[in-house]
């Protein structure tokens, strides 16, 4: 029915992708060597391992057809995140502060999926090579590993590139800016790099060193959340840093197609976009509710810094799935944490670097709910599902409903596993939503890090992160027996 999977073609492309990862690993390797850090052998082993994988796959697939169809595209997209994480964890297993295989895999998957849930209790003890690598994997994973490779490997600008683009892209529709997929990837990466450069310069102009500015920018614009300091953003005691990062986290939650248009003079498209407006409106309302809940709790001094800037930064960090921890936020009370949980599930705009259900889908679900309520009053009238002025077709709405059902089921199943591991219900729900939404915010048992969690729960959360980052269907399809049949 489907035809035999082109395993050799998949192996050939995978080898090329891992080869590029080996080149990327040379950057933190150089930093570790230049700083005389003990972590450099781990990076060297990872570079050699990536080189061997590249060499062996290219040698064994010299005559293989590179024709990649939709199924191979899904297969590649699902597996590359796992393979990249397995190669990328090698430096974490050695060095001055080695961790277990499970913790190293958790950290790298959390990094590549821009979840930002860390197993390190004090990242301030880590060397610069490790800190830079943690930031780099989040920056690469922000727009997507495949999207990054489409931009730098011209050979993927054929059918296989289009298949992988559709498998990895987030959102309801997968729109291209240009007829050729590589041009679209390059255009969006130019925007991504321009925003990255702007954020680095702004942070460097403040109290941050260049190294810290680079690492914090990589994790803010990718809405990842790893930091270089154990105290998090509180280390700098700077409102300026908080404002800059809040601005770029907010930008990271917007559709990058709209940002590209805005930078090319089409600001009206961004201003008129219904999803972007709803996204900013949700931030405003959630900010007010979080500030109100914090004020009613009474445990925080009611200054603008606490009830204004800090709650805004926390709100944006939650809805964009960045997961930067704002100092004292865990003491803001149940109202603020409930709003936080809802924001983690909601997420930002489709086509952004953020996780979550996405505002687009929630608008579609809301429109569908309204239609069904109206249908009880007017049973013979026809109603269309809208996202702003756009009308959605029936199959698209069915897919959105299925997505939301699977998303909720993953949170419930992970919560069940966490409860059976001995954790409280509130903690279990929070860590489940954090993993599926690729958020990384900690609360309760995970407030000081994710290392104490049971290993079985960590593996379930890794599965959630991968499924959430690939928006469920591209990853979960690999689990169906029908996918592997001829």
Protein backbone atom coordinates (compact mmCIF):
# COMPACT_ATOMS: atom_id res chain seq x y z
CA UNK A 1 0.00 0.00 0.00
CA UNK A 2 2.69 2.48 1.02
CA UNK A 3 5.83 0.96 -0.49
CA UNK A 4 9.02 0.00 1.29
CA UNK A 5 10.65 2.64 3.47
CA UNK A 6 13.89 3.98 2.02
CA UNK A 7 16.07 3.18 5.03
CA UNK A 8 19.34 3.83 3.18
CA UNK A 9 18.17 7.24 2.09
CA UNK A 10 17.14 8.03 5.67
CA UNK A 11 20.54 6.86 6.97
CA UNK A 12 22.37 8.98 4.38
CA UNK A 13 20.53 12.17 5.28
CA UNK A 14 20.79 11.41 9.02
CA UNK A 15 24.54 10.98 8.68
CA UNK A 16 24.87 14.38 7.02
CA UNK A 17 22.83 16.00 9.77
CA UNK A 18 24.95 14.42 12.51
CA UNK A 19 28.07 15.55 10.64
CA UNK A 20 26.86 19.14 10.96
CA UNK A 21 26.24 18.57 14.67
CA UNK A 22 29.88 17.50 14.95
CA UNK A 23 30.96 20.82 13.45
CA UNK A 24 28.73 22.69 15.90
CA UNK A 25 30.30 20.78 18.81
CA UNK A 26 33.67 22.23 17.79
CA UNK A 27 32.52 25.64 19.06
CA UNK A 28 32.10 24.70 22.77
CA UNK A 29 35.15 22.40 22.38
CA UNK A 30 37.23 25.44 21.40
CA UNK A 31 35.84 27.44 24.33
CA UNK A 32 36.62 24.61 26.78
CA UNK A 33 40.16 24.18 25.42
CA UNK A 34 40.83 27.94 25.45
CA UNK A 35 39.65 28.13 29.06
CA UNK A 36 41.69 25.12 30.17
CA UNK A 37 38.54 23.35 31.33
CA UNK A 38 38.39 19.64 32.12
CA UNK A 39 35.25 19.21 29.97
CA UNK A 40 37.10 19.37 26.64
CA UNK A 41 37.74 15.58 26.29
CA UNK A 42 33.99 14.94 26.35
CA UNK A 43 33.48 17.41 23.51
CA UNK A 44 36.35 15.84 21.59
CA UNK A 45 34.78 12.38 21.93
CA UNK A 46 31.41 13.77 20.75
CA UNK A 47 33.06 15.38 17.71
CA UNK A 48 34.82 12.11 16.84
CA UNK A 49 31.59 10.14 17.33
CA UNK A 50 29.67 12.50 15.04
CA UNK A 51 32.45 12.23 12.45
CA UNK A 52 32.35 8.43 12.58
CA UNK A 53 28.58 8.36 12.15
CA UNK A 54 28.89 10.69 9.19
CA UNK A 55 31.69 8.71 7.57
CA UNK A 56 30.10 5.27 8.05
CA UNK A 57 26.65 6.34 6.81
CA UNK A 58 28.05 8.06 3.72
CA UNK A 59 30.28 5.07 2.93
CA UNK A 60 27.44 2.58 3.29
CA UNK A 61 24.89 4.61 1.32
CA UNK A 62 26.97 5.75 -1.65
CA UNK A 63 24.53 4.30 -4.16
CA UNK A 64 21.38 4.86 -2.15
CA UNK A 65 18.48 6.83 -3.56
CA UNK A 66 17.89 10.05 -1.66
CA UNK A 67 14.24 10.17 -2.65
CA UNK A 68 12.51 10.96 0.61
CA UNK A 69 8.72 10.73 0.66
CA UNK A 70 6.34 11.87 3.36
CA UNK A 71 6.83 8.77 5.54
CA UNK A 72 10.60 8.99 5.40
CA UNK A 73 10.28 12.71 6.20
CA UNK A 74 8.31 11.93 9.35
CA UNK A 75 10.77 9.18 10.26
CA UNK A 76 13.78 11.46 9.83
CA UNK A 77 12.17 14.30 11.72
CA UNK A 78 11.24 12.10 14.66
CA UNK A 79 14.58 10.30 14.87
CA UNK A 80 16.93 13.25 14.33
CA UNK A 81 15.92 14.83 17.65
CA UNK A 82 16.77 11.58 19.45
CA UNK A 83 20.05 10.99 17.58
CA UNK A 84 21.16 14.60 18.08
CA UNK A 85 20.43 14.27 21.81
CA UNK A 86 22.38 11.00 22.07
CA UNK A 87 25.45 12.58 20.46
CA UNK A 88 25.00 15.88 22.29
CA UNK A 89 24.87 14.27 25.75
CA UNK A 90 28.43 12.88 25.56
CA UNK A 91 30.12 16.01 27.02
CA UNK A 92 27.75 15.88 30.01
CA UNK A 93 28.88 12.34 30.94
CA UNK A 94 32.48 13.41 31.56
CA UNK A 95 34.32 16.40 32.91
CA UNK A 96 34.37 17.98 36.34
CA UNK A 97 30.65 17.47 37.09
CA UNK A 98 29.56 14.28 35.28
CA UNK A 99 25.95 13.12 35.45
CA UNK A 100 24.23 9.81 34.80
CA UNK A 101 23.16 8.76 31.29
CA UNK A 102 19.50 9.34 32.16
CA UNK A 103 20.16 12.85 33.46
CA UNK A 104 22.42 13.70 30.51
CA UNK A 105 19.75 12.52 28.04
CA UNK A 106 17.08 14.46 29.93
CA UNK A 107 19.19 17.64 29.80
CA UNK A 108 19.94 17.41 26.08
CA UNK A 109 16.37 16.52 25.06
CA UNK A 110 15.16 19.35 27.29
CA UNK A 111 17.65 21.61 25.53
CA UNK A 112 16.95 20.67 21.92
CA UNK A 113 13.18 20.81 22.47
CA UNK A 114 13.66 24.22 24.19
CA UNK A 115 11.92 22.91 27.29
CA UNK A 116 14.57 24.26 29.64
CA UNK A 117 13.96 21.79 32.48
CA UNK A 118 17.41 21.28 33.98
CA UNK A 119 18.81 18.52 36.18
CA UNK A 120 21.72 20.69 37.38
CA UNK A 121 21.15 22.07 40.90
CA UNK A 122 23.82 24.76 40.41
CA UNK A 123 24.69 25.63 36.81
CA UNK A 124 27.10 28.25 38.11
CA UNK A 125 29.60 25.45 38.80
CA UNK A 126 29.66 24.32 35.16
CA UNK A 127 32.43 25.27 32.74
CA UNK A 128 31.86 27.71 29.90
CA UNK A 129 32.03 24.96 27.30
CA UNK A 130 29.07 23.12 28.84
CA UNK A 131 27.13 26.34 29.44
CA UNK A 132 27.62 27.45 25.84
CA UNK A 133 26.60 24.01 24.49
CA UNK A 134 23.42 24.07 26.60
CA UNK A 135 22.58 27.48 25.15
CA UNK A 136 23.48 26.45 21.59
CA UNK A 137 21.24 23.39 21.54
CA UNK A 138 18.30 25.53 22.61
CA UNK A 139 19.05 28.13 19.94
CA UNK A 140 19.28 25.42 17.26
CA UNK A 141 16.09 23.77 18.50
CA UNK A 142 14.19 27.08 18.59
CA UNK A 143 13.26 27.15 14.91
CA UNK A 144 13.91 23.41 14.68
CA UNK A 145 16.84 21.09 13.95
CA UNK A 146 15.50 20.20 10.52
CA UNK A 147 14.79 23.84 9.70
CA UNK A 148 18.37 24.69 10.67
CA UNK A 149 19.71 21.95 8.41
CA UNK A 150 17.47 22.99 5.50
CA UNK A 151 19.12 26.40 5.63
CA UNK A 152 22.71 25.13 5.52
CA UNK A 153 22.52 21.91 3.44
CA UNK A 154 21.54 22.76 -0.18
CA UNK A 155 21.04 19.06 -1.03
CA UNK A 156 17.92 19.02 1.17
CA UNK A 157 16.14 21.52 -1.06
CA UNK A 158 14.29 18.73 -2.83
CA UNK A 159 11.36 16.49 -1.92
CA UNK A 160 12.98 15.28 1.29
CA UNK A 161 13.34 18.85 2.52
CA UNK A 162 9.68 19.60 1.88
CA UNK A 163 8.59 16.40 3.67
CA UNK A 164 10.70 17.20 6.72
CA UNK A 165 9.57 20.84 6.73
CA UNK A 166 5.93 19.79 6.92
CA UNK A 167 6.73 17.21 9.62
CA UNK A 168 8.56 19.65 11.89
CA UNK A 169 6.76 22.96 11.28
CA UNK A 170 4.37 24.05 14.02
CA UNK A 171 0.84 25.28 13.64
CA UNK A 172 -2.29 24.59 11.63
CA UNK A 173 -0.92 25.53 8.22
CA UNK A 174 2.68 25.22 6.99
CA UNK A 175 3.12 28.27 4.79
CA UNK A 176 6.26 28.90 2.75
CA UNK A 177 7.66 32.37 2.12
CA UNK A 178 9.32 31.33 -1.15
CA UNK A 179 8.75 28.59 -3.75
CA UNK A 180 11.99 26.86 -2.74
CA UNK A 181 12.02 25.45 0.79
CA UNK A 182 15.65 26.45 1.41
CA UNK A 183 14.84 30.09 0.62
CA UNK A 184 12.09 30.01 3.24
CA UNK A 185 14.45 28.45 5.80
CA UNK A 186 17.19 30.98 5.05
CA UNK A 187 14.79 33.93 5.26
CA UNK A 188 13.49 32.91 8.67
CA UNK A 189 16.99 32.14 9.94
CA UNK A 190 18.15 35.60 8.85
CA UNK A 191 15.33 37.07 10.94
CA UNK A 192 16.23 34.75 13.83
CA UNK A 193 19.91 35.73 13.69
CA UNK A 194 19.11 39.44 13.39
CA UNK A 195 16.94 39.29 16.53
CA UNK A 196 19.66 37.27 18.26
CA UNK A 197 22.33 39.85 17.42
CA UNK A 198 20.10 42.72 18.60
CA UNK A 199 19.38 41.00 21.94
CA UNK A 200 23.07 40.18 22.52
CA UNK A 201 24.09 43.80 21.96
CA UNK A 202 21.36 45.13 24.25
CA UNK A 203 22.23 42.73 27.08
CA UNK A 204 25.96 43.35 26.63
CA UNK A 205 25.29 47.08 26.91
CA UNK A 206 23.84 46.37 30.35
CA UNK A 207 25.39 44.53 33.28
CA UNK A 208 26.09 41.25 31.44
CA UNK A 209 29.41 40.01 30.12
CA UNK A 210 29.52 39.11 26.43
CA UNK A 211 29.48 35.39 27.26
CA UNK A 212 26.42 35.70 29.52
CA UNK A 213 24.69 37.94 26.96
CA UNK A 214 25.21 35.35 24.23
CA UNK A 215 23.96 32.44 26.36
CA UNK A 216 20.94 34.29 27.77
CA UNK A 217 20.02 35.55 24.29
CA UNK A 218 20.23 32.07 22.77
CA UNK A 219 17.80 30.76 25.38
CA UNK A 220 15.46 33.78 25.36
CA UNK A 221 14.91 34.16 21.62
CA UNK A 222 14.45 30.38 21.32
CA UNK A 223 12.06 30.50 24.31
CA UNK A 224 14.22 27.82 25.92
CA UNK A 225 15.05 29.01 29.43
CA UNK A 226 18.47 27.62 30.35
CA UNK A 227 20.58 30.15 32.26
CA UNK A 228 24.25 30.45 33.17
CA UNK A 229 23.67 31.31 36.83
CA UNK A 230 22.22 29.30 39.69
CA UNK A 231 20.22 32.37 40.77
CA UNK A 232 18.75 32.69 37.29
CA UNK A 233 17.98 36.18 36.05
CA UNK A 234 17.99 37.46 39.66
CA UNK A 235 21.79 37.23 39.57
CA UNK A 236 22.06 40.57 37.74
CA UNK A 237 19.54 42.48 39.91
CA UNK A 238 18.70 44.55 36.85
CA UNK A 239 15.34 45.85 35.67
CA UNK A 240 17.04 46.62 32.36
CA UNK A 241 17.87 42.93 31.82
CA UNK A 242 14.33 41.94 32.75
CA UNK A 243 12.80 44.40 30.26
CA UNK A 244 15.09 43.35 27.41
CA UNK A 245 14.49 39.64 27.93
CA UNK A 246 10.73 40.14 28.34
CA UNK A 247 10.65 42.00 25.02
CA UNK A 248 12.55 39.30 23.14
CA UNK A 249 10.61 36.46 24.76
CA UNK A 250 7.43 38.18 23.58
CA UNK A 251 8.85 38.44 20.06
CA UNK A 252 9.85 34.76 20.20
CA UNK A 253 6.19 33.89 20.82
CA UNK A 254 5.05 35.57 17.60
CA UNK A 255 4.73 33.87 14.21
CA UNK A 256 8.12 34.33 12.52
CA UNK A 257 6.43 34.68 9.13
CA UNK A 258 4.76 37.84 10.48
CA UNK A 259 8.04 39.09 11.95
CA UNK A 260 9.70 38.57 8.57
CA UNK A 261 6.95 40.62 6.93
CA UNK A 262 7.21 43.36 9.56
CA UNK A 263 10.97 43.67 9.03
CA UNK A 264 10.27 44.04 5.29
CA UNK A 265 7.88 46.93 5.74
CA UNK A 266 4.61 45.04 6.20
CA UNK A 267 3.89 46.18 9.75
CA UNK A 268 0.18 46.39 8.98
CA UNK A 269 0.03 42.63 8.48
CA UNK A 270 1.39 42.10 11.98
CA UNK A 271 -0.86 44.74 13.51
CA UNK A 272 -3.94 43.38 11.74
CA UNK A 273 -3.28 39.71 12.47
CA UNK A 274 -6.06 38.35 14.69
CA UNK A 275 -3.85 35.72 16.36
CA UNK A 276 -1.08 38.19 17.21
CA UNK A 277 -3.60 40.61 18.70
CA UNK A 278 -5.23 37.83 20.75
CA UNK A 279 -1.77 36.68 21.94
CA UNK A 280 -0.90 40.17 23.22
CA UNK A 281 -4.36 40.52 24.77
CA UNK A 282 -3.95 37.23 26.65
CA UNK A 283 -0.59 38.44 27.99
CA UNK A 284 -2.20 41.67 29.21
CA UNK A 285 -5.11 39.90 30.94
CA UNK A 286 -2.91 37.18 32.46
CA UNK A 287 -0.45 39.82 33.67
CA UNK A 288 -3.27 41.66 35.46
CA UNK A 289 -4.62 38.43 37.00
CA UNK A 290 -1.16 37.32 38.14
CA UNK A 291 -0.47 40.72 39.72
CA UNK A 292 -3.88 40.67 41.40
CA UNK A 293 -3.39 37.15 42.74
CA UNK A 294 0.06 38.04 44.03
CA UNK A 295 -1.22 41.19 45.72
CA UNK A 296 -4.14 39.34 47.35
CA UNK A 297 -1.76 36.69 48.65
CA UNK A 298 -0.10 39.45 50.66
CA UNK A 299 3.32 37.85 50.91
CA UNK A 300 5.03 40.21 48.46
CA UNK A 301 5.83 43.88 48.88
CA UNK A 302 3.39 45.72 46.54
CA UNK A 303 5.94 47.65 44.49
CA UNK A 304 5.95 48.13 40.72
CA UNK A 305 9.06 45.96 40.54
CA UNK A 306 7.20 43.04 42.16
CA UNK A 307 3.61 43.48 40.94
CA UNK A 308 4.53 45.12 37.63
CA UNK A 309 7.76 44.07 35.99
CA UNK A 310 8.28 40.73 37.75
CA UNK A 311 4.75 39.50 37.14
CA UNK A 312 4.93 40.62 33.49
CA UNK A 313 8.23 38.80 32.99
CA UNK A 314 6.80 35.68 34.63
CA UNK A 315 3.64 35.87 32.51
CA UNK A 316 5.59 36.16 29.26
CA UNK A 317 8.00 33.43 30.37
CA UNK A 318 5.04 31.09 30.98
CA UNK A 319 3.00 31.75 27.83
CA UNK A 320 6.03 31.60 25.53
CA UNK A 321 7.23 28.37 27.21
CA UNK A 322 10.61 30.02 27.93
CA UNK A 323 10.53 28.92 31.54
CA UNK A 324 12.86 31.54 33.02
CA UNK A 325 12.25 31.42 36.76
CA UNK A 326 11.48 34.80 38.30
CA UNK A 327 12.80 35.17 41.84
CA UNK A 328 10.12 34.56 44.46
CA UNK A 329 7.42 33.48 41.98
CA UNK A 330 6.80 30.18 43.78
CA UNK A 331 5.60 32.19 46.82
CA UNK A 332 3.00 34.18 44.88
CA UNK A 333 0.18 31.89 45.89
CA UNK A 334 -2.23 29.44 44.23
CA UNK A 335 -4.04 32.07 42.11
CA UNK A 336 -0.86 33.16 40.33
CA UNK A 337 0.28 29.57 39.86
CA UNK A 338 -3.12 28.57 38.43
CA UNK A 339 -2.86 31.37 35.85
CA UNK A 340 0.69 30.18 35.14
CA UNK A 341 -0.52 26.62 34.53
CA UNK A 342 -3.18 27.83 32.08
CA UNK A 343 -0.61 29.93 30.22
CA UNK A 344 1.75 26.94 29.98
CA UNK A 345 -0.99 24.90 28.34
CA UNK A 346 -2.15 27.74 26.06
CA UNK A 347 1.23 28.65 24.56
CA UNK A 348 1.86 31.42 22.03
CA UNK A 349 1.34 31.75 18.28
CA UNK A 350 1.76 28.99 15.71
CA UNK A 351 4.94 29.45 13.71
CA UNK A 352 6.84 30.68 16.77
CA UNK A 353 9.56 29.03 18.84
CA UNK A 354 7.14 28.42 21.71
CA UNK A 355 5.38 25.25 22.85
CA UNK A 356 1.86 24.68 24.12
CA UNK A 357 -1.45 24.20 22.33
CA UNK A 358 -1.05 27.58 20.53
CA UNK A 359 -3.41 30.56 20.47
CA UNK A 360 -4.49 29.72 16.90
CA UNK A 361 -5.91 26.36 17.92
CA UNK A 362 -7.62 27.78 21.01
CA UNK A 363 -9.29 30.43 18.85
CA UNK A 364 -10.52 27.70 16.49
CA UNK A 365 -11.81 25.61 19.40
CA UNK A 366 -13.55 28.66 20.85
CA UNK A 367 -15.20 29.42 17.51
CA UNK A 368 -16.31 25.80 17.18
CA UNK A 369 -17.75 25.84 20.71
CA UNK A 370 -19.70 29.01 19.95
CA UNK A 371 -21.04 27.47 16.74
CA UNK A 372 -22.27 24.39 18.58
CA UNK A 373 -24.02 26.53 21.18
CA UNK A 374 -25.69 28.59 18.43
CA UNK A 375 -26.67 25.41 16.61
CA UNK A 376 -28.87 24.42 19.56
CA UNK A 377 -30.83 27.63 18.97
CA UNK A 378 -30.72 27.55 15.15
CA UNK A 379 -30.41 23.85 14.22
CA UNK A 380 -30.90 24.44 10.50
CA UNK A 381 -28.32 27.18 10.05
CA UNK A 382 -24.78 26.58 8.83
CA UNK A 383 -21.90 27.95 10.87
CA UNK A 384 -18.24 28.26 9.91
CA UNK A 385 -15.23 28.03 12.23
CA UNK A 386 -13.13 31.20 12.08
CA UNK A 387 -9.67 32.29 13.15
CA UNK A 388 -10.09 36.00 12.63
CA UNK A 389 -11.30 36.47 9.04
CA UNK A 390 -10.04 33.04 7.98
CA UNK A 391 -12.56 30.19 7.62
CA UNK A 392 -11.35 26.70 8.52
CA UNK A 393 -12.41 23.63 6.59
CA UNK A 394 -13.90 20.61 8.34
CA UNK A 395 -10.81 18.34 8.15
CA UNK A 396 -8.64 21.08 9.66
CA UNK A 397 -11.03 21.47 12.58
CA UNK A 398 -11.08 17.69 13.11
CA UNK A 399 -7.27 17.69 13.29
CA UNK A 400 -7.30 20.55 15.81
CA UNK A 401 -9.82 18.70 17.99
CA UNK A 402 -7.71 15.52 17.81
CA UNK A 403 -4.59 17.50 18.70
CA UNK A 404 -6.23 18.98 21.79
CA UNK A 405 -7.57 15.59 22.88
CA UNK A 406 -4.16 13.93 22.55
CA UNK A 407 -2.47 16.88 24.28
CA UNK A 408 -4.84 16.61 27.25
CA UNK A 409 -4.43 12.82 27.34
CA UNK A 410 -0.63 13.12 27.52
CA UNK A 411 -0.89 15.52 30.46
CA UNK A 412 -3.31 13.21 32.26
CA UNK A 413 -1.19 10.08 31.65
CA UNK A 414 2.01 11.81 32.80
CA UNK A 415 0.18 13.12 35.86
CA UNK A 416 -0.91 9.55 36.62
CA UNK A 417 2.67 8.27 36.34
CA UNK A 418 3.92 11.07 38.60
CA UNK A 419 1.26 10.36 41.22
CA UNK A 420 2.19 6.66 41.21
CA UNK A 421 5.81 7.72 41.70
CA UNK A 422 4.75 9.33 44.96
CA UNK A 423 4.41 13.01 44.03
CA UNK A 424 1.50 15.24 45.01
CA UNK A 425 -1.31 15.97 42.56
CA UNK A 426 -0.50 19.68 42.13
CA UNK A 427 3.18 18.96 41.55
CA UNK A 428 2.30 16.16 39.12
CA UNK A 429 -0.04 18.29 37.01
CA UNK A 430 2.46 21.15 36.88
CA UNK A 431 5.43 19.02 35.80
CA UNK A 432 3.24 17.21 33.25
CA UNK A 433 2.06 20.45 31.64
CA UNK A 434 5.63 21.72 31.75
CA UNK A 435 6.95 18.70 29.84
CA UNK A 436 4.20 18.40 27.20
CA UNK A 437 4.25 22.16 26.63
CA UNK A 438 8.06 22.24 26.43
CA UNK A 439 7.98 24.88 29.16
CA UNK A 440 10.46 23.90 31.87
CA UNK A 441 9.01 25.95 34.70
CA UNK A 442 9.43 24.25 38.06
CA UNK A 443 7.01 24.33 40.96
CA UNK A 444 6.91 22.51 44.27
CA UNK A 445 9.03 19.37 43.96
CA UNK A 446 10.70 20.69 40.79
CA UNK A 447 11.21 24.27 42.00
CA UNK A 448 14.92 23.62 42.62
CA UNK A 449 15.45 21.40 39.56
CA UNK A 450 14.31 18.14 37.96
CA UNK A 451 17.20 15.91 39.11
CA UNK A 452 15.35 14.43 42.15
CA UNK A 453 12.56 12.99 39.98
CA UNK A 454 12.33 9.21 39.55
CA UNK A 455 14.09 7.93 36.43
CA UNK A 456 10.93 6.35 35.03
CA UNK A 457 9.19 9.74 35.26
CA UNK A 458 12.13 11.43 33.54
CA UNK A 459 11.82 9.05 30.56
CA UNK A 460 8.08 9.70 30.36
CA UNK A 461 8.79 13.45 30.40
CA UNK A 462 11.42 13.05 27.66
CA UNK A 463 8.78 11.37 25.53
CA UNK A 464 6.41 14.26 26.30
CA UNK A 465 9.02 16.86 25.34
CA UNK A 466 9.70 15.24 21.98
CA UNK A 467 6.01 14.73 21.24
CA UNK A 468 5.19 18.28 22.31
CA UNK A 469 7.99 19.86 20.28
CA UNK A 470 6.95 17.99 17.11
CA UNK A 471 3.29 18.82 17.78
CA UNK A 472 2.25 15.23 18.50
CA UNK A 473 1.32 13.84 15.09
CA UNK A 474 4.80 13.76 13.51
CA UNK A 475 6.23 11.91 16.52
CA UNK A 476 3.32 9.73 17.62
CA UNK A 477 2.80 8.49 14.04
CA UNK A 478 6.06 6.54 14.44
CA UNK A 479 4.38 4.43 17.15
CA UNK A 480 1.64 3.16 14.82
CA UNK A 481 2.23 -0.31 13.30
CA UNK A 482 0.61 0.97 10.09
CA UNK A 483 3.47 3.44 9.66
CA UNK A 484 6.00 0.62 9.23
CA UNK A 485 3.92 -1.62 6.97
CA UNK A 486 4.60 -1.88 3.25
